[in-house]
N, C-alpha and C. Protein backbone atom coordinates (compact mmCIF):
# COMPACT_ATOMS: atom_id res chain seq x y z
N MET A 1 -10.93 34.55 -27.93
CA MET A 1 -10.79 33.70 -26.80
C MET A 1 -9.35 33.14 -26.82
N LYS A 2 -8.68 33.20 -25.68
CA LYS A 2 -7.30 32.83 -25.59
C LYS A 2 -7.33 31.30 -25.40
N THR A 3 -6.41 30.58 -26.14
CA THR A 3 -6.14 29.19 -25.88
C THR A 3 -4.95 28.96 -25.04
N PHE A 4 -4.89 27.93 -24.25
CA PHE A 4 -3.77 27.62 -23.52
C PHE A 4 -2.93 26.50 -24.01
N HIS A 5 -1.64 26.47 -23.68
CA HIS A 5 -0.77 25.26 -24.09
C HIS A 5 -1.36 24.08 -23.47
N PRO A 6 -1.31 22.95 -24.15
CA PRO A 6 -1.90 21.71 -23.69
C PRO A 6 -1.33 21.28 -22.25
N LEU A 7 -0.08 21.62 -21.92
CA LEU A 7 0.55 21.20 -20.66
C LEU A 7 -0.14 22.14 -19.61
N ILE A 8 -0.39 23.38 -19.78
CA ILE A 8 -0.98 24.25 -18.76
C ILE A 8 -2.44 23.72 -18.51
N ARG A 9 -3.07 23.53 -19.68
CA ARG A 9 -4.51 22.92 -19.57
C ARG A 9 -4.59 21.65 -18.76
N THR A 10 -3.58 20.67 -19.01
CA THR A 10 -3.52 19.49 -18.34
C THR A 10 -3.29 19.74 -16.80
N THR A 11 -2.35 20.66 -16.49
CA THR A 11 -2.01 20.96 -15.17
C THR A 11 -3.23 21.56 -14.36
N TYR A 12 -3.93 22.51 -14.95
CA TYR A 12 -5.19 22.97 -14.36
C TYR A 12 -6.20 21.88 -14.16
N THR A 13 -6.29 20.97 -15.07
CA THR A 13 -7.28 19.88 -14.92
C THR A 13 -6.90 18.99 -13.78
N ALA A 14 -5.66 18.72 -13.77
CA ALA A 14 -5.13 17.88 -12.64
C ALA A 14 -5.36 18.54 -11.29
N LEU A 15 -5.12 19.83 -11.21
CA LEU A 15 -5.27 20.57 -9.86
C LEU A 15 -6.78 20.50 -9.52
N LEU A 16 -7.56 20.79 -10.43
CA LEU A 16 -9.02 20.75 -10.09
C LEU A 16 -9.49 19.34 -9.71
N MET A 17 -8.99 18.21 -10.33
CA MET A 17 -9.39 16.99 -9.98
C MET A 17 -8.83 16.62 -8.55
N LEU A 18 -7.56 17.12 -8.30
CA LEU A 18 -6.93 16.83 -7.02
C LEU A 18 -7.74 17.49 -5.89
N ALA A 19 -8.14 18.74 -6.09
CA ALA A 19 -8.91 19.46 -5.20
C ALA A 19 -10.32 18.80 -4.94
N GLY A 20 -10.97 18.38 -5.95
CA GLY A 20 -12.17 17.65 -5.71
C GLY A 20 -12.11 16.33 -5.01
N LEU A 21 -11.03 15.63 -5.36
CA LEU A 21 -10.79 14.25 -4.63
C LEU A 21 -10.41 14.62 -3.24
N SER A 22 -9.67 15.58 -2.92
CA SER A 22 -9.23 15.84 -1.61
C SER A 22 -10.33 16.17 -0.65
N ILE A 23 -11.37 16.76 -1.18
CA ILE A 23 -12.59 17.15 -0.34
C ILE A 23 -13.25 15.90 0.17
N THR A 24 -13.37 14.86 -0.61
CA THR A 24 -14.21 13.64 -0.26
C THR A 24 -13.31 12.46 0.27
N ALA A 25 -12.10 12.34 -0.30
CA ALA A 25 -11.31 11.16 -0.14
C ALA A 25 -10.62 11.09 1.17
N CYS A 26 -10.43 12.11 1.80
CA CYS A 26 -9.53 12.22 3.01
C CYS A 26 -10.27 12.21 4.36
N ALA A 27 -11.54 11.84 4.32
CA ALA A 27 -12.38 11.92 5.56
C ALA A 27 -11.86 10.98 6.63
N GLY A 28 -11.46 9.72 6.17
CA GLY A 28 -11.12 8.74 7.32
C GLY A 28 -9.65 8.62 7.37
N MET A 29 -8.82 9.53 6.85
CA MET A 29 -7.30 9.45 6.85
C MET A 29 -6.71 10.11 8.01
N THR A 30 -5.59 9.60 8.47
CA THR A 30 -4.82 10.25 9.44
C THR A 30 -4.12 11.51 8.87
N GLN A 31 -3.60 12.37 9.64
CA GLN A 31 -2.96 13.59 9.19
C GLN A 31 -1.79 13.23 8.34
N GLN A 32 -1.01 12.18 8.79
CA GLN A 32 0.21 11.71 8.02
C GLN A 32 -0.16 11.15 6.71
N GLU A 33 -1.35 10.42 6.57
CA GLU A 33 -1.73 9.87 5.29
C GLU A 33 -2.22 11.04 4.40
N LYS A 34 -2.81 11.95 4.91
CA LYS A 34 -3.22 13.22 4.13
C LYS A 34 -2.04 13.88 3.60
N SER A 35 -1.02 14.05 4.47
CA SER A 35 0.16 14.81 4.08
C SER A 35 0.89 13.98 2.93
N THR A 36 0.94 12.66 2.99
CA THR A 36 1.60 11.84 2.02
C THR A 36 0.74 11.96 0.70
N ALA A 37 -0.50 11.95 0.78
CA ALA A 37 -1.34 12.09 -0.50
C ALA A 37 -1.19 13.42 -1.16
N ILE A 38 -1.18 14.50 -0.35
CA ILE A 38 -0.96 15.79 -0.86
C ILE A 38 0.40 15.97 -1.38
N GLY A 39 1.42 15.52 -0.77
CA GLY A 39 2.83 15.52 -1.35
C GLY A 39 2.95 14.77 -2.58
N ALA A 40 2.29 13.61 -2.66
CA ALA A 40 2.35 12.81 -3.98
C ALA A 40 1.70 13.66 -5.12
N GLY A 41 0.54 14.31 -4.79
CA GLY A 41 -0.14 15.05 -5.81
C GLY A 41 0.68 16.25 -6.32
N VAL A 42 1.25 16.97 -5.33
CA VAL A 42 2.08 18.17 -5.66
C VAL A 42 3.28 17.77 -6.35
N GLY A 43 3.90 16.67 -5.87
CA GLY A 43 5.05 16.14 -6.65
C GLY A 43 4.77 15.71 -7.97
N ALA A 44 3.65 15.08 -8.28
CA ALA A 44 3.42 14.60 -9.66
C ALA A 44 3.17 15.76 -10.55
N ILE A 45 2.51 16.89 -10.11
CA ILE A 45 2.34 18.10 -10.88
C ILE A 45 3.65 18.74 -11.21
N GLY A 46 4.44 18.85 -10.05
CA GLY A 46 5.82 19.42 -10.32
C GLY A 46 6.73 18.73 -11.25
N GLY A 47 6.67 17.29 -11.07
CA GLY A 47 7.42 16.54 -12.04
C GLY A 47 6.98 16.65 -13.48
N ALA A 48 5.66 16.71 -13.55
CA ALA A 48 5.13 16.85 -14.93
C ALA A 48 5.48 18.22 -15.56
N ILE A 49 5.55 19.22 -14.85
CA ILE A 49 5.90 20.59 -15.30
C ILE A 49 7.35 20.53 -15.73
N LEU A 50 8.19 20.12 -14.69
CA LEU A 50 9.59 20.20 -14.90
C LEU A 50 10.13 19.38 -16.14
N THR A 51 9.43 18.25 -16.37
CA THR A 51 9.90 17.40 -17.43
C THR A 51 9.11 17.49 -18.75
N GLY A 52 8.25 18.40 -18.78
CA GLY A 52 7.51 18.54 -19.98
C GLY A 52 6.43 17.57 -20.20
N GLY A 53 5.93 16.94 -19.09
CA GLY A 53 4.87 16.00 -19.13
C GLY A 53 5.25 14.57 -19.29
N SER A 54 6.55 14.23 -19.06
CA SER A 54 6.96 12.87 -19.34
C SER A 54 6.34 12.04 -18.19
N THR A 55 6.04 10.78 -18.48
CA THR A 55 5.58 9.85 -17.47
C THR A 55 6.61 9.53 -16.40
N THR A 56 7.78 9.44 -16.81
CA THR A 56 8.85 9.16 -15.71
C THR A 56 9.03 10.30 -14.76
N GLY A 57 8.95 11.51 -15.30
CA GLY A 57 9.04 12.71 -14.47
C GLY A 57 7.89 12.86 -13.47
N THR A 58 6.64 12.50 -14.05
CA THR A 58 5.45 12.62 -13.25
C THR A 58 5.49 11.59 -12.03
N LEU A 59 5.84 10.35 -12.42
CA LEU A 59 5.84 9.38 -11.42
C LEU A 59 7.02 9.55 -10.44
N GLY A 60 8.09 9.99 -10.93
CA GLY A 60 9.17 10.31 -9.97
C GLY A 60 8.83 11.44 -9.03
N GLY A 61 8.16 12.53 -9.62
CA GLY A 61 7.79 13.61 -8.75
C GLY A 61 6.85 13.14 -7.65
N ALA A 62 5.81 12.23 -8.02
CA ALA A 62 4.88 11.68 -7.18
C ALA A 62 5.55 10.93 -6.10
N ALA A 63 6.54 10.13 -6.39
CA ALA A 63 7.21 9.36 -5.46
C ALA A 63 7.99 10.23 -4.41
N VAL A 64 8.69 11.17 -4.93
CA VAL A 64 9.47 12.04 -4.04
C VAL A 64 8.61 12.88 -3.18
N GLY A 65 7.46 13.41 -3.78
CA GLY A 65 6.57 14.26 -3.00
C GLY A 65 5.83 13.42 -1.89
N GLY A 66 5.57 12.21 -2.30
CA GLY A 66 4.87 11.34 -1.27
C GLY A 66 5.83 11.02 -0.02
N VAL A 67 7.04 10.81 -0.30
CA VAL A 67 7.94 10.53 0.76
C VAL A 67 8.19 11.82 1.62
N ILE A 68 8.28 12.95 0.96
CA ILE A 68 8.50 14.26 1.73
C ILE A 68 7.24 14.44 2.52
N GLY A 69 6.07 14.26 2.01
CA GLY A 69 4.81 14.52 2.79
C GLY A 69 4.69 13.59 3.86
N HIS A 70 5.21 12.33 3.71
CA HIS A 70 5.00 11.30 4.80
C HIS A 70 5.89 11.74 5.92
N GLU A 71 7.19 12.14 5.57
CA GLU A 71 8.09 12.54 6.62
C GLU A 71 7.79 13.79 7.36
N ILE A 72 7.10 14.60 6.74
CA ILE A 72 6.84 15.94 7.33
C ILE A 72 5.93 15.78 8.59
N LYS A 73 5.08 14.83 8.46
CA LYS A 73 4.06 14.72 9.52
C LYS A 73 4.33 13.43 10.40
N LYS A 74 5.58 13.16 10.59
CA LYS A 74 5.95 11.94 11.51
C LYS A 74 5.63 12.32 12.87
């Protein structure tokens, strides 16, 4: 059985949790709010990957992704 690097395993887990939450949590949200949430999630994952899982990189990626997602659907 192949074992995965902990960062890859964490990323897959975060993606699965994000997908599960997005199915139920976005029912009453506007399109702009959905885009903001998706941008923050994608940014957090990207920030974590690019910085090797640092908290600062994850939070920074979430902030930048959220702003971009918010601005796309204005």
